[in-house]
Amino acid sequence: MEKYALVTGGSRGIGRSICVKLAEMGYHILINYKSNEAEALSTK
């Protein structure tokens, strides 16, 4: 079974850390961000 997670504010700070950890655990991550596309792409 594939696992997915939507992380709001996932481009910086705690949200970014959560994205990284979930990805390490095998989740497909959907990153939501308000204004910092460069940081969201960096997290990706």
PDB file of N, CA and C in Angstrom:
ATOM      1  N   MET A   1       0.844  -1.179   0.000  1.00  0.00           N
ATOM      2  CA  MET A   1       0.000   0.000   0.000  1.00  0.00           C
ATOM      3  C   MET A   1       0.887   1.239   0.000  1.00  0.00           C
ATOM      4  N   GLU A   2       0.610   2.148  -0.920  1.00  0.00           N
ATOM      5  CA  GLU A   2       1.364   3.392  -0.977  1.00  0.00           C
ATOM      6  C   GLU A   2       0.823   4.370   0.055  1.00  0.00           C
ATOM      7  N   LYS A   3       1.730   5.151   0.638  1.00  0.00           N
ATOM      8  CA  LYS A   3       1.349   6.117   1.660  1.00  0.00           C
ATOM      9  C   LYS A   3       1.612   7.526   1.138  1.00  0.00           C
ATOM     10  N   TYR A   4       0.678   8.419   1.414  1.00  0.00           N
ATOM     11  CA  TYR A   4       0.784   9.812   1.001  1.00  0.00           C
ATOM     12  C   TYR A   4       0.593  10.713   2.206  1.00  0.00           C
ATOM     13  N   ALA A   5       1.255  11.875   2.173  1.00  0.00           N
ATOM     14  CA  ALA A   5       1.085  12.865   3.235  1.00  0.00           C
ATOM     15  C   ALA A   5       1.043  14.257   2.614  1.00  0.00           C
ATOM     16  N   LEU A   6       0.097  15.062   3.057  1.00  0.00           N
ATOM     17  CA  LEU A   6       0.022  16.471   2.670  1.00  0.00           C
ATOM     18  C   LEU A   6       0.563  17.281   3.842  1.00  0.00           C
ATOM     19  N   VAL A   7       1.621  18.050   3.589  1.00  0.00           N
ATOM     20  CA  VAL A   7       2.240  18.845   4.647  1.00  0.00           C
ATOM     21  C   VAL A   7       2.047  20.318   4.298  1.00  0.00           C
ATOM     22  N   THR A   8       1.235  21.002   5.080  1.00  0.00           N
ATOM     23  CA  THR A   8       1.051  22.432   4.865  1.00  0.00           C
ATOM     24  C   THR A   8       2.222  23.167   5.496  1.00  0.00           C
ATOM     25  N   GLY A   9       2.720  24.162   4.811  1.00  0.00           N
ATOM     26  CA  GLY A   9       3.911  24.865   5.305  1.00  0.00           C
ATOM     27  C   GLY A   9       5.142  23.990   5.211  1.00  0.00           C
ATOM     28  N   GLY A  10       5.177  23.121   4.218  1.00  0.00           N
ATOM     29  CA  GLY A  10       6.256  22.142   4.111  1.00  0.00           C
ATOM     30  C   GLY A  10       7.535  22.630   3.482  1.00  0.00           C
ATOM     31  N   SER A  11       7.620  23.902   3.164  1.00  0.00           N
ATOM     32  CA  SER A  11       8.824  24.372   2.480  1.00  0.00           C
ATOM     33  C   SER A  11       9.927  24.837   3.422  1.00  0.00           C
ATOM     34  N   ARG A  12       9.590  25.123   4.684  1.00  0.00           N
ATOM     35  CA  ARG A  12      10.591  25.664   5.607  1.00  0.00           C
ATOM     36  C   ARG A  12      10.379  25.123   7.016  1.00  0.00           C
ATOM     37  N   GLY A  13      11.368  25.297   7.841  1.00  0.00           N
ATOM     38  CA  GLY A  13      11.267  25.030   9.275  1.00  0.00           C
ATOM     39  C   GLY A  13      10.799  23.636   9.639  1.00  0.00           C
ATOM     40  N   ILE A  14       9.867  23.579  10.581  1.00  0.00           N
ATOM     41  CA  ILE A  14       9.354  22.310  11.080  1.00  0.00           C
ATOM     42  C   ILE A  14       8.674  21.526   9.964  1.00  0.00           C
ATOM     43  N   GLY A  15       7.920  22.222   9.122  1.00  0.00           N
ATOM     44  CA  GLY A  15       7.244  21.549   8.014  1.00  0.00           C
ATOM     45  C   GLY A  15       8.223  20.838   7.097  1.00  0.00           C
ATOM     46  N   ARG A  16       9.333  21.495   6.826  1.00  0.00           N
ATOM     47  CA  ARG A  16      10.366  20.883   5.984  1.00  0.00           C
ATOM     48  C   ARG A  16      10.924  19.635   6.647  1.00  0.00           C
ATOM     49  N   SER A  17      11.197  19.710   7.932  1.00  0.00           N
ATOM     50  CA  SER A  17      11.714  18.552   8.669  1.00  0.00           C
ATOM     51  C   SER A  17      10.731  17.393   8.629  1.00  0.00           C
ATOM     52  N   ILE A  18       9.455  17.707   8.740  1.00  0.00           N
ATOM     53  CA  ILE A  18       8.422  16.673   8.670  1.00  0.00           C
ATOM     54  C   ILE A  18       8.419  16.030   7.294  1.00  0.00           C
ATOM     55  N   CYS A  19       8.526  16.837   6.242  1.00  0.00           N
ATOM     56  CA  CYS A  19       8.570  16.304   4.873  1.00  0.00           C
ATOM     57  C   CYS A  19       9.730  15.336   4.701  1.00  0.00           C
ATOM     58  N   VAL A  20      10.888  15.743   5.165  1.00  0.00           N
ATOM     59  CA  VAL A  20      12.078  14.907   5.020  1.00  0.00           C
ATOM     60  C   VAL A  20      11.898  13.585   5.770  1.00  0.00           C
ATOM     61  N   LYS A  21      11.423  13.644   6.986  1.00  0.00           N
ATOM     62  CA  LYS A  21      11.257  12.430   7.792  1.00  0.00           C
ATOM     63  C   LYS A  21      10.233  11.491   7.167  1.00  0.00           C
ATOM     64  N   LEU A  22       9.099  12.037   6.731  1.00  0.00           N
ATOM     65  CA  LEU A  22       8.080  11.194   6.107  1.00  0.00           C
ATOM     66  C   LEU A  22       8.598  10.561   4.823  1.00  0.00           C
ATOM     67  N   ALA A  23       9.363  11.308   4.036  1.00  0.00           N
ATOM     68  CA  ALA A  23       9.949  10.761   2.815  1.00  0.00           C
ATOM     69  C   ALA A  23      10.893   9.609   3.151  1.00  0.00           C
ATOM     70  N   GLU A  24      11.681   9.773   4.205  1.00  0.00           N
ATOM     71  CA  GLU A  24      12.574   8.693   4.648  1.00  0.00           C
ATOM     72  C   GLU A  24      11.789   7.451   5.055  1.00  0.00           C
ATOM     73  N   MET A  25      10.555   7.648   5.537  1.00  0.00           N
ATOM     74  CA  MET A  25       9.701   6.543   5.964  1.00  0.00           C
ATOM     75  C   MET A  25       8.917   5.934   4.799  1.00  0.00           C
ATOM     76  N   GLY A  26       9.132   6.454   3.582  1.00  0.00           N
ATOM     77  CA  GLY A  26       8.497   5.870   2.415  1.00  0.00           C
ATOM     78  C   GLY A  26       7.231   6.548   1.930  1.00  0.00           C
ATOM     79  N   TYR A  27       6.897   7.696   2.482  1.00  0.00           N
ATOM     80  CA  TYR A  27       5.697   8.420   2.062  1.00  0.00           C
ATOM     81  C   TYR A  27       5.952   9.210   0.779  1.00  0.00           C
ATOM     82  N   HIS A  28       4.922   9.350  -0.038  1.00  0.00           N
ATOM     83  CA  HIS A  28       4.905  10.308  -1.132  1.00  0.00           C
ATOM     84  C   HIS A  28       4.417  11.610  -0.504  1.00  0.00           C
ATOM     85  N   ILE A  29       5.137  12.690  -0.707  1.00  0.00           N
ATOM     86  CA  ILE A  29       4.841  13.944  -0.018  1.00  0.00           C
ATOM     87  C   ILE A  29       4.230  14.965  -0.973  1.00  0.00           C
ATOM     88  N   LEU A  30       3.174  15.623  -0.520  1.00  0.00           N
ATOM     89  CA  LEU A  30       2.578  16.758  -1.208  1.00  0.00           C
ATOM     90  C   LEU A  30       2.915  17.978  -0.367  1.00  0.00           C
ATOM     91  N   ILE A  31       3.689  18.891  -0.939  1.00  0.00           N
ATOM     92  CA  ILE A  31       4.150  20.065  -0.201  1.00  0.00           C
ATOM     93  C   ILE A  31       3.274  21.261  -0.552  1.00  0.00           C
ATOM     94  N   ASN A  32       2.686  21.868   0.460  1.00  0.00           N
ATOM     95  CA  ASN A  32       1.880  23.073   0.281  1.00  0.00           C
ATOM     96  C   ASN A  32       2.672  24.240   0.874  1.00  0.00           C
ATOM     97  N   TYR A  33       2.717  25.342   0.137  1.00  0.00           N
ATOM     98  CA  TYR A  33       3.434  26.514   0.630  1.00  0.00           C
ATOM     99  C   TYR A  33       2.672  27.763   0.212  1.00  0.00           C
ATOM    100  N   LYS A  34       2.935  28.864   0.909  1.00  0.00           N
ATOM    101  CA  LYS A  34       2.214  30.096   0.632  1.00  0.00           C
ATOM    102  C   LYS A  34       2.945  30.971  -0.378  1.00  0.00           C
ATOM    103  N   SER A  35       4.243  31.205  -0.187  1.00  0.00           N
ATOM    104  CA  SER A  35       4.888  32.180  -1.044  1.00  0.00           C
ATOM    105  C   SER A  35       6.334  31.877  -1.427  1.00  0.00           C
ATOM    106  N   ASN A  36       6.927  30.844  -0.880  1.00  0.00           N
ATOM    107  CA  ASN A  36       8.351  30.622  -1.126  1.00  0.00           C
ATOM    108  C   ASN A  36       8.563  29.395  -2.007  1.00  0.00           C
ATOM    109  N   GLU A  37       8.350  29.581  -3.314  1.00  0.00           N
ATOM    110  CA  GLU A  37       8.477  28.465  -4.251  1.00  0.00           C
ATOM    111  C   GLU A  37       9.894  27.884  -4.261  1.00  0.00           C
ATOM    112  N   ALA A  38      10.894  28.740  -4.177  1.00  0.00           N
ATOM    113  CA  ALA A  38      12.283  28.267  -4.196  1.00  0.00           C
ATOM    114  C   ALA A  38      12.558  27.297  -3.042  1.00  0.00           C
ATOM    115  N   GLU A  39      12.081  27.615  -1.847  1.00  0.00           N
ATOM    116  CA  GLU A  39      12.281  26.731  -0.698  1.00  0.00           C
ATOM    117  C   GLU A  39      11.487  25.435  -0.854  1.00  0.00           C
ATOM    118  N   ALA A  40      10.281  25.516  -1.413  1.00  0.00           N
ATOM    119  CA  ALA A  40       9.486  24.304  -1.644  1.00  0.00           C
ATOM    120  C   ALA A  40      10.219  23.380  -2.619  1.00  0.00           C
ATOM    121  N   LEU A  41      10.769  23.949  -3.672  1.00  0.00           N
ATOM    122  CA  LEU A  41      11.511  23.145  -4.641  1.00  0.00           C
ATOM    123  C   LEU A  41      12.775  22.557  -4.015  1.00  0.00           C
ATOM    124  N   SER A  42      13.408  23.311  -3.138  1.00  0.00           N
ATOM    125  CA  SER A  42      14.589  22.817  -2.447  1.00  0.00           C
ATOM    126  C   SER A  42      14.228  21.646  -1.540  1.00  0.00           C
ATOM    127  N   THR A  43      13.104  21.730  -0.863  1.00  0.00           N
ATOM    128  CA  THR A  43      12.638  20.635  -0.008  1.00  0.00           C
ATOM    129  C   THR A  43      12.360  19.394  -0.847  1.00  0.00           C
ATOM    130  N   LYS A  44      11.770  19.607  -2.005  1.00  0.00           N
ATOM    131  CA  LYS A  44      11.473  18.494  -2.911  1.00  0.00           C
ATOM    132  C   LYS A  44      12.730  17.744  -3.264  1.00  0.00           C
TER     133      LYS A  44
END
